[in-house]
Amino acid sequence: VQDKQEVRLSRAELLEAAGLDEETLTELEDY
């Protein structure tokens, strides 16, 4: 419980965890 797990998310996992759509994520990467 004390140890913090490293976050390593796939694209689909990031979209779900952040509540973003594909278009917004692409825009974030483009900028």
PDB file of all heavy atoms in Angstrom:
ATOM      1  N   VAL A   1       0.836  -1.196   0.000  1.00  0.00           N
ATOM      2  CA  VAL A   1       0.000   0.000   0.000  1.00  0.00           C
ATOM      3  C   VAL A   1       0.869   1.242   0.000  1.00  0.00           C
ATOM      4  O   VAL A   1       0.548   2.253  -0.616  1.00  0.00           O
ATOM      5  CB  VAL A   1      -0.920  -0.011   1.241  1.00  0.00           C
ATOM      6  CG1 VAL A   1      -1.706   1.296   1.340  1.00  0.00           C
ATOM      7  CG2 VAL A   1      -1.848  -1.209   1.186  1.00  0.00           C
ATOM      8  N   GLN A   2       2.001   1.173   0.700  1.00  0.00           N
ATOM      9  CA  GLN A   2       2.868   2.334   0.807  1.00  0.00           C
ATOM     10  C   GLN A   2       3.571   2.627  -0.510  1.00  0.00           C
ATOM     11  O   GLN A   2       3.825   3.779  -0.850  1.00  0.00           O
ATOM     12  CB  GLN A   2       3.916   2.112   1.897  1.00  0.00           C
ATOM     13  CG  GLN A   2       3.321   1.969   3.285  1.00  0.00           C
ATOM     14  CD  GLN A   2       4.404   1.729   4.305  1.00  0.00           C
ATOM     15  OE1 GLN A   2       5.571   2.003   4.076  1.00  0.00           O
ATOM     16  NE2 GLN A   2       4.023   1.193   5.443  1.00  0.00           N
ATOM     17  N   ASP A   3       3.936   1.612  -1.250  1.00  0.00           N
ATOM     18  CA  ASP A   3       4.680   1.806  -2.480  1.00  0.00           C
ATOM     19  C   ASP A   3       3.782   2.316  -3.584  1.00  0.00           C
ATOM     20  O   ASP A   3       2.700   1.793  -3.813  1.00  0.00           O
ATOM     21  CB  ASP A   3       5.323   0.482  -2.932  1.00  0.00           C
ATOM     22  CG  ASP A   3       6.438   0.053  -2.002  1.00  0.00           C
ATOM     23  OD1 ASP A   3       6.946   0.925  -1.272  1.00  0.00           O
ATOM     24  OD2 ASP A   3       6.788  -1.134  -2.010  1.00  0.00           O
ATOM     25  N   LYS A   4       4.246   3.328  -4.249  1.00  0.00           N
ATOM     26  CA  LYS A   4       3.485   3.920  -5.333  1.00  0.00           C
ATOM     27  C   LYS A   4       3.816   3.200  -6.629  1.00  0.00           C
ATOM     28  O   LYS A   4       4.975   3.044  -7.000  1.00  0.00           O
ATOM     29  CB  LYS A   4       3.840   5.411  -5.463  1.00  0.00           C
ATOM     30  CG  LYS A   4       3.030   6.132  -6.521  1.00  0.00           C
ATOM     31  CD  LYS A   4       3.429   7.587  -6.547  1.00  0.00           C
ATOM     32  CE  LYS A   4       2.651   8.339  -7.587  1.00  0.00           C
ATOM     33  NZ  LYS A   4       3.048   9.768  -7.640  1.00  0.00           N
ATOM     34  N   GLN A   5       2.792   2.746  -7.313  1.00  0.00           N
ATOM     35  CA  GLN A   5       2.992   2.033  -8.562  1.00  0.00           C
ATOM     36  C   GLN A   5       3.200   3.017  -9.703  1.00  0.00           C
ATOM     37  O   GLN A   5       2.539   4.045  -9.796  1.00  0.00           O
ATOM     38  CB  GLN A   5       1.771   1.150  -8.858  1.00  0.00           C
ATOM     39  CG  GLN A   5       1.531   0.084  -7.816  1.00  0.00           C
ATOM     40  CD  GLN A   5       2.679  -0.898  -7.737  1.00  0.00           C
ATOM     41  OE1 GLN A   5       3.195  -1.341  -8.757  1.00  0.00           O
ATOM     42  NE2 GLN A   5       3.095  -1.220  -6.526  1.00  0.00           N
ATOM     43  N   GLU A   6       4.152   2.700 -10.573  1.00  0.00           N
ATOM     44  CA  GLU A   6       4.423   3.549 -11.725  1.00  0.00           C
ATOM     45  C   GLU A   6       3.246   3.488 -12.692  1.00  0.00           C
ATOM     46  O   GLU A   6       2.704   2.430 -12.970  1.00  0.00           O
ATOM     47  CB  GLU A   6       5.698   3.079 -12.430  1.00  0.00           C
ATOM     48  CG  GLU A   6       6.091   3.949 -13.597  1.00  0.00           C
ATOM     49  CD  GLU A   6       7.351   3.457 -14.283  1.00  0.00           C
ATOM     50  OE1 GLU A   6       7.844   2.381 -13.898  1.00  0.00           O
ATOM     51  OE2 GLU A   6       7.827   4.144 -15.202  1.00  0.00           O
ATOM     52  N   VAL A   7       2.855   4.657 -13.181  1.00  0.00           N
ATOM     53  CA  VAL A   7       1.747   4.745 -14.121  1.00  0.00           C
ATOM     54  C   VAL A   7       2.271   4.522 -15.532  1.00  0.00           C
ATOM     55  O   VAL A   7       3.165   5.233 -15.994  1.00  0.00           O
ATOM     56  CB  VAL A   7       1.057   6.122 -14.026  1.00  0.00           C
ATOM     57  CG1 VAL A   7      -0.023   6.261 -15.098  1.00  0.00           C
ATOM     58  CG2 VAL A   7       0.465   6.325 -12.635  1.00  0.00           C
ATOM     59  N   ARG A   8       1.735   3.515 -16.221  1.00  0.00           N
ATOM     60  CA  ARG A   8       2.103   3.218 -17.610  1.00  0.00           C
ATOM     61  C   ARG A   8       0.820   2.852 -18.338  1.00  0.00           C
ATOM     62  O   ARG A   8       0.375   1.705 -18.311  1.00  0.00           O
ATOM     63  CB  ARG A   8       3.114   2.072 -17.685  1.00  0.00           C
ATOM     64  CG  ARG A   8       4.416   2.327 -16.950  1.00  0.00           C
ATOM     65  CD  ARG A   8       5.285   3.303 -17.689  1.00  0.00           C
ATOM     66  NE  ARG A   8       5.768   2.731 -18.941  1.00  0.00           N
ATOM     67  CZ  ARG A   8       6.388   3.432 -19.886  1.00  0.00           C
ATOM     68  NH1 ARG A   8       6.532   4.732 -19.744  1.00  0.00           N
ATOM     69  NH2 ARG A   8       6.810   2.841 -20.981  1.00  0.00           N
ATOM     70  N   LEU A   9       0.201   3.830 -18.978  1.00  0.00           N
ATOM     71  CA  LEU A   9      -1.106   3.636 -19.586  1.00  0.00           C
ATOM     72  C   LEU A   9      -1.014   3.527 -21.110  1.00  0.00           C
ATOM     73  O   LEU A   9      -0.221   4.230 -21.745  1.00  0.00           O
ATOM     74  CB  LEU A   9      -2.030   4.811 -19.238  1.00  0.00           C
ATOM     75  CG  LEU A   9      -2.288   5.074 -17.750  1.00  0.00           C
ATOM     76  CD1 LEU A   9      -3.128   6.328 -17.597  1.00  0.00           C
ATOM     77  CD2 LEU A   9      -2.952   3.888 -17.094  1.00  0.00           C
ATOM     78  N   SER A  10      -1.846   2.666 -21.649  1.00  0.00           N
ATOM     79  CA  SER A  10      -2.001   2.637 -23.105  1.00  0.00           C
ATOM     80  C   SER A  10      -2.834   3.842 -23.522  1.00  0.00           C
ATOM     81  O   SER A  10      -3.401   4.540 -22.680  1.00  0.00           O
ATOM     82  CB  SER A  10      -2.692   1.345 -23.531  1.00  0.00           C
ATOM     83  OG  SER A  10      -4.035   1.337 -23.071  1.00  0.00           O
ATOM     84  N   ARG A  11      -2.959   4.051 -24.819  1.00  0.00           N
ATOM     85  CA  ARG A  11      -3.752   5.183 -25.304  1.00  0.00           C
ATOM     86  C   ARG A  11      -5.221   5.047 -24.863  1.00  0.00           C
ATOM     87  O   ARG A  11      -5.829   6.000 -24.376  1.00  0.00           O
ATOM     88  CB  ARG A  11      -3.659   5.265 -26.830  1.00  0.00           C
ATOM     89  CG  ARG A  11      -4.232   6.558 -27.419  1.00  0.00           C
ATOM     90  CD  ARG A  11      -4.005   6.627 -28.932  1.00  0.00           C
ATOM     91  NE  ARG A  11      -4.428   7.912 -29.473  1.00  0.00           N
ATOM     92  CZ  ARG A  11      -3.685   9.004 -29.475  1.00  0.00           C
ATOM     93  NH1 ARG A  11      -2.460   8.963 -28.959  1.00  0.00           N
ATOM     94  NH2 ARG A  11      -4.144  10.137 -30.001  1.00  0.00           N
ATOM     95  N   ALA A  12      -5.758   3.858 -25.004  1.00  0.00           N
ATOM     96  CA  ALA A  12      -7.152   3.625 -24.626  1.00  0.00           C
ATOM     97  C   ALA A  12      -7.342   3.828 -23.121  1.00  0.00           C
ATOM     98  O   ALA A  12      -8.351   4.399 -22.677  1.00  0.00           O
ATOM     99  CB  ALA A  12      -7.580   2.229 -25.023  1.00  0.00           C
ATOM    100  N   GLU A  13      -6.371   3.380 -22.331  1.00  0.00           N
ATOM    101  CA  GLU A  13      -6.471   3.531 -20.874  1.00  0.00           C
ATOM    102  C   GLU A  13      -6.398   5.005 -20.473  1.00  0.00           C
ATOM    103  O   GLU A  13      -7.097   5.442 -19.559  1.00  0.00           O
ATOM    104  CB  GLU A  13      -5.356   2.745 -20.201  1.00  0.00           C
ATOM    105  CG  GLU A  13      -5.552   1.233 -20.283  1.00  0.00           C
ATOM    106  CD  GLU A  13      -4.328   0.459 -19.831  1.00  0.00           C
ATOM    107  OE1 GLU A  13      -3.203   1.036 -19.872  1.00  0.00           O
ATOM    108  OE2 GLU A  13      -4.474  -0.714 -19.458  1.00  0.00           O
ATOM    109  N   LEU A  14      -5.545   5.766 -21.152  1.00  0.00           N
ATOM    110  CA  LEU A  14      -5.439   7.191 -20.854  1.00  0.00           C
ATOM    111  C   LEU A  14      -6.746   7.913 -21.183  1.00  0.00           C
ATOM    112  O   LEU A  14      -7.222   8.743 -20.402  1.00  0.00           O
ATOM    113  CB  LEU A  14      -4.285   7.813 -21.642  1.00  0.00           C
ATOM    114  CG  LEU A  14      -4.086   9.320 -21.434  1.00  0.00           C
ATOM    115  CD1 LEU A  14      -3.670   9.616 -20.003  1.00  0.00           C
ATOM    116  CD2 LEU A  14      -3.066   9.879 -22.415  1.00  0.00           C
ATOM    117  N   LEU A  15      -7.323   7.587 -22.343  1.00  0.00           N
ATOM    118  CA  LEU A  15      -8.587   8.210 -22.729  1.00  0.00           C
ATOM    119  C   LEU A  15      -9.665   7.946 -21.683  1.00  0.00           C
ATOM    120  O   LEU A  15     -10.420   8.851 -21.298  1.00  0.00           O
ATOM    121  CB  LEU A  15      -9.036   7.681 -24.095  1.00  0.00           C
ATOM    122  CG  LEU A  15      -8.202   8.130 -25.305  1.00  0.00           C
ATOM    123  CD1 LEU A  15      -8.633   7.368 -26.551  1.00  0.00           C
ATOM    124  CD2 LEU A  15      -8.328   9.633 -25.527  1.00  0.00           C
ATOM    125  N   GLU A  16      -9.710   6.721 -21.201  1.00  0.00           N
ATOM    126  CA  GLU A  16     -10.727   6.353 -20.211  1.00  0.00           C
ATOM    127  C   GLU A  16     -10.454   7.025 -18.864  1.00  0.00           C
ATOM    128  O   GLU A  16     -11.359   7.567 -18.235  1.00  0.00           O
ATOM    129  CB  GLU A  16     -10.767   4.837 -20.040  1.00  0.00           C
ATOM    130  CG  GLU A  16     -11.822   4.376 -19.040  1.00  0.00           C
ATOM    131  CD  GLU A  16     -11.872   2.859 -18.903  1.00  0.00           C
ATOM    132  OE1 GLU A  16     -11.101   2.179 -19.621  1.00  0.00           O
ATOM    133  OE2 GLU A  16     -12.662   2.378 -18.096  1.00  0.00           O
ATOM    134  N   ALA A  17      -9.171   7.003 -18.433  1.00  0.00           N
ATOM    135  CA  ALA A  17      -8.825   7.555 -17.117  1.00  0.00           C
ATOM    136  C   ALA A  17      -9.011   9.064 -17.067  1.00  0.00           C
ATOM    137  O   ALA A  17      -9.394   9.623 -16.033  1.00  0.00           O
ATOM    138  CB  ALA A  17      -7.382   7.193 -16.767  1.00  0.00           C
ATOM    139  N   ALA A  18      -8.741   9.747 -18.181  1.00  0.00           N
ATOM    140  CA  ALA A  18      -8.837  11.205 -18.204  1.00  0.00           C
ATOM    141  C   ALA A  18     -10.196  11.694 -18.674  1.00  0.00           C
ATOM    142  O   ALA A  18     -10.494  12.893 -18.553  1.00  0.00           O
ATOM    143  CB  ALA A  18      -7.751  11.777 -19.103  1.00  0.00           C
ATOM    144  N   GLY A  19     -11.017  10.791 -19.210  1.00  0.00           N
ATOM    145  CA  GLY A  19     -12.326  11.192 -19.708  1.00  0.00           C
ATOM    146  C   GLY A  19     -12.251  12.052 -20.956  1.00  0.00           C
ATOM    147  O   GLY A  19     -13.072  12.954 -21.152  1.00  0.00           O
ATOM    148  N   LEU A  20     -11.253  11.786 -21.806  1.00  0.00           N
ATOM    149  CA  LEU A  20     -11.074  12.549 -23.041  1.00  0.00           C
ATOM    150  C   LEU A  20     -11.531  11.735 -24.236  1.00  0.00           C
ATOM    151  O   LEU A  20     -11.624  10.504 -24.180  1.00  0.00           O
ATOM    152  CB  LEU A  20      -9.596  12.922 -23.221  1.00  0.00           C
ATOM    153  CG  LEU A  20      -8.949  13.836 -22.182  1.00  0.00           C
ATOM    154  CD1 LEU A  20      -7.507  14.095 -22.568  1.00  0.00           C
ATOM    155  CD2 LEU A  20      -9.706  15.141 -22.024  1.00  0.00           C
ATOM    156  N   ASP A  21     -11.759  12.447 -25.347  1.00  0.00           N
ATOM    157  CA  ASP A  21     -12.027  11.747 -26.598  1.00  0.00           C
ATOM    158  C   ASP A  21     -10.750  11.737 -27.437  1.00  0.00           C
ATOM    159  O   ASP A  21      -9.780  12.440 -27.145  1.00  0.00           O
ATOM    160  CB  ASP A  21     -13.185  12.394 -27.366  1.00  0.00           C
ATOM    161  CG  ASP A  21     -12.971  13.875 -27.636  1.00  0.00           C
ATOM    162  OD1 ASP A  21     -11.814  14.281 -27.898  1.00  0.00           O
ATOM    163  OD2 ASP A  21     -13.945  14.644 -27.573  1.00  0.00           O
ATOM    164  N   GLU A  22     -10.755  10.942 -28.475  1.00  0.00           N
ATOM    165  CA  GLU A  22      -9.578  10.772 -29.316  1.00  0.00           C
ATOM    166  C   GLU A  22      -9.124  12.093 -29.931  1.00  0.00           C
ATOM    167  O   GLU A  22      -7.925  12.385 -30.022  1.00  0.00           O
ATOM    168  CB  GLU A  22      -9.880   9.756 -30.422  1.00  0.00           C
ATOM    169  CG  GLU A  22      -8.716   9.443 -31.345  1.00  0.00           C
ATOM    170  CD  GLU A  22      -7.612   8.653 -30.668  1.00  0.00           C
ATOM    171  OE1 GLU A  22      -7.929   7.777 -29.846  1.00  0.00           O
ATOM    172  OE2 GLU A  22      -6.436   8.920 -30.968  1.00  0.00           O
ATOM    173  N   GLU A  23     -10.080  12.899 -30.363  1.00  0.00           N
ATOM    174  CA  GLU A  23      -9.742  14.172 -31.010  1.00  0.00           C
ATOM    175  C   GLU A  23      -9.001  15.102 -30.056  1.00  0.00           C
ATOM    176  O   GLU A  23      -8.008  15.747 -30.438  1.00  0.00           O
ATOM    177  CB  GLU A  23     -11.019  14.841 -31.510  1.00  0.00           C
ATOM    178  CG  GLU A  23     -10.769  16.163 -32.230  1.00  0.00           C
ATOM    179  CD  GLU A  23     -12.057  16.813 -32.705  1.00  0.00           C
ATOM    180  OE1 GLU A  23     -13.139  16.207 -32.535  1.00  0.00           O
ATOM    181  OE2 GLU A  23     -11.983  17.934 -33.249  1.00  0.00           O
ATOM    182  N   THR A  24      -9.450  15.164 -28.793  1.00  0.00           N
ATOM    183  CA  THR A  24      -8.805  16.041 -27.815  1.00  0.00           C
ATOM    184  C   THR A  24      -7.400  15.566 -27.503  1.00  0.00           C
ATOM    185  O   THR A  24      -6.460  16.377 -27.404  1.00  0.00           O
ATOM    186  CB  THR A  24      -9.632  16.097 -26.517  1.00  0.00           C
ATOM    187  OG1 THR A  24     -10.945  16.575 -26.813  1.00  0.00           O
ATOM    188  CG2 THR A  24      -8.977  17.011 -25.495  1.00  0.00           C
ATOM    189  N   LEU A  25      -7.215  14.262 -27.352  1.00  0.00           N
ATOM    190  CA  LEU A  25      -5.886  13.730 -27.072  1.00  0.00           C
ATOM    191  C   LEU A  25      -4.935  14.011 -28.225  1.00  0.00           C
ATOM    192  O   LEU A  25      -3.776  14.388 -28.018  1.00  0.00           O
ATOM    193  CB  LEU A  25      -5.966  12.227 -26.793  1.00  0.00           C
ATOM    194  CG  LEU A  25      -4.628  11.528 -26.504  1.00  0.00           C
ATOM    195  CD1 LEU A  25      -3.883  12.218 -25.372  1.00  0.00           C
ATOM    196  CD2 LEU A  25      -4.857  10.054 -26.180  1.00  0.00           C
ATOM    197  N   THR A  26      -5.404  13.845 -29.427  1.00  0.00           N
ATOM    198  CA  THR A  26      -4.571  14.146 -30.600  1.00  0.00           C
ATOM    199  C   THR A  26      -4.172  15.615 -30.607  1.00  0.00           C
ATOM    200  O   THR A  26      -3.026  15.972 -30.921  1.00  0.00           O
ATOM    201  CB  THR A  26      -5.327  13.793 -31.894  1.00  0.00           C
ATOM    202  OG1 THR A  26      -5.625  12.395 -31.894  1.00  0.00           O
ATOM    203  CG2 THR A  26      -4.491  14.131 -33.118  1.00  0.00           C
ATOM    204  N   GLU A  27      -5.107  16.487 -30.242  1.00  0.00           N
ATOM    205  CA  GLU A  27      -4.823  17.919 -30.189  1.00  0.00           C
ATOM    206  C   GLU A  27      -3.754  18.214 -29.132  1.00  0.00           C
ATOM    207  O   GLU A  27      -2.843  19.026 -29.367  1.00  0.00           O
ATOM    208  CB  GLU A  27      -6.099  18.698 -29.879  1.00  0.00           C
ATOM    209  CG  GLU A  27      -5.912  20.206 -29.922  1.00  0.00           C
ATOM    210  CD  GLU A  27      -7.183  20.968 -29.580  1.00  0.00           C
ATOM    211  OE1 GLU A  27      -8.029  20.411 -28.839  1.00  0.00           O
ATOM    212  OE2 GLU A  27      -7.320  22.108 -30.038  1.00  0.00           O
ATOM    213  N   LEU A  28      -3.838  17.554 -27.993  1.00  0.00           N
ATOM    214  CA  LEU A  28      -2.838  17.737 -26.941  1.00  0.00           C
ATOM    215  C   LEU A  28      -1.452  17.352 -27.439  1.00  0.00           C
ATOM    216  O   LEU A  28      -0.455  18.032 -27.158  1.00  0.00           O
ATOM    217  CB  LEU A  28      -3.200  16.896 -25.714  1.00  0.00           C
ATOM    218  CG  LEU A  28      -4.408  17.335 -24.891  1.00  0.00           C
ATOM    219  CD1 LEU A  28      -4.678  16.330 -23.784  1.00  0.00           C
ATOM    220  CD2 LEU A  28      -4.185  18.714 -24.312  1.00  0.00           C
ATOM    221  N   GLU A  29      -1.379  16.260 -28.167  1.00  0.00           N
ATOM    222  CA  GLU A  29      -0.098  15.812 -28.698  1.00  0.00           C
ATOM    223  C   GLU A  29       0.403  16.747 -29.791  1.00  0.00           C
ATOM    224  O   GLU A  29       1.603  17.043 -29.873  1.00  0.00           O
ATOM    225  CB  GLU A  29      -0.232  14.382 -29.220  1.00  0.00           C
ATOM    226  CG  GLU A  29      -0.470  13.374 -28.103  1.00  0.00           C
ATOM    227  CD  GLU A  29      -0.702  11.959 -28.608  1.00  0.00           C
ATOM    228  OE1 GLU A  29      -1.399  11.807 -29.632  1.00  0.00           O
ATOM    229  OE2 GLU A  29      -0.173  11.024 -27.983  1.00  0.00           O
ATOM    230  N   ASP A  30      -0.507  17.220 -30.634  1.00  0.00           N
ATOM    231  CA  ASP A  30      -0.113  18.128 -31.718  1.00  0.00           C
ATOM    232  C   ASP A  30       0.476  19.426 -31.171  1.00  0.00           C
ATOM    233  O   ASP A  30       1.398  20.000 -31.758  1.00  0.00           O
ATOM    234  CB  ASP A  30      -1.312  18.444 -32.607  1.00  0.00           C
ATOM    235  CG  ASP A  30      -1.737  17.261 -33.463  1.00  0.00           C
ATOM    236  OD1 ASP A  30      -0.940  16.319 -33.593  1.00  0.00           O
ATOM    237  OD2 ASP A  30      -2.870  17.280 -33.987  1.00  0.00           O
ATOM    238  N   TYR A  31      -0.056  19.898 -30.034  1.00  0.00           N
ATOM    239  CA  TYR A  31       0.441  21.135 -29.437  1.00  0.00           C
ATOM    240  C   TYR A  31       1.584  20.893 -28.449  1.00  0.00           C
ATOM    241  O   TYR A  31       2.046  21.822 -27.784  1.00  0.00           O
ATOM    242  CB  TYR A  31      -0.698  21.883 -28.746  1.00  0.00           C
ATOM    243  CG  TYR A  31      -1.587  22.638 -29.714  1.00  0.00           C
ATOM    244  CD1 TYR A  31      -2.786  22.089 -30.145  1.00  0.00           C
ATOM    245  CD2 TYR A  31      -1.212  23.878 -30.212  1.00  0.00           C
ATOM    246  CE1 TYR A  31      -3.606  22.767 -31.045  1.00  0.00           C
ATOM    247  CE2 TYR A  31      -2.016  24.570 -31.103  1.00  0.00           C
ATOM    248  CZ  TYR A  31      -3.210  24.005 -31.523  1.00  0.00           C
ATOM    249  OH  TYR A  31      -4.007  24.686 -32.417  1.00  0.00           O
TER     250      TYR A  31
END
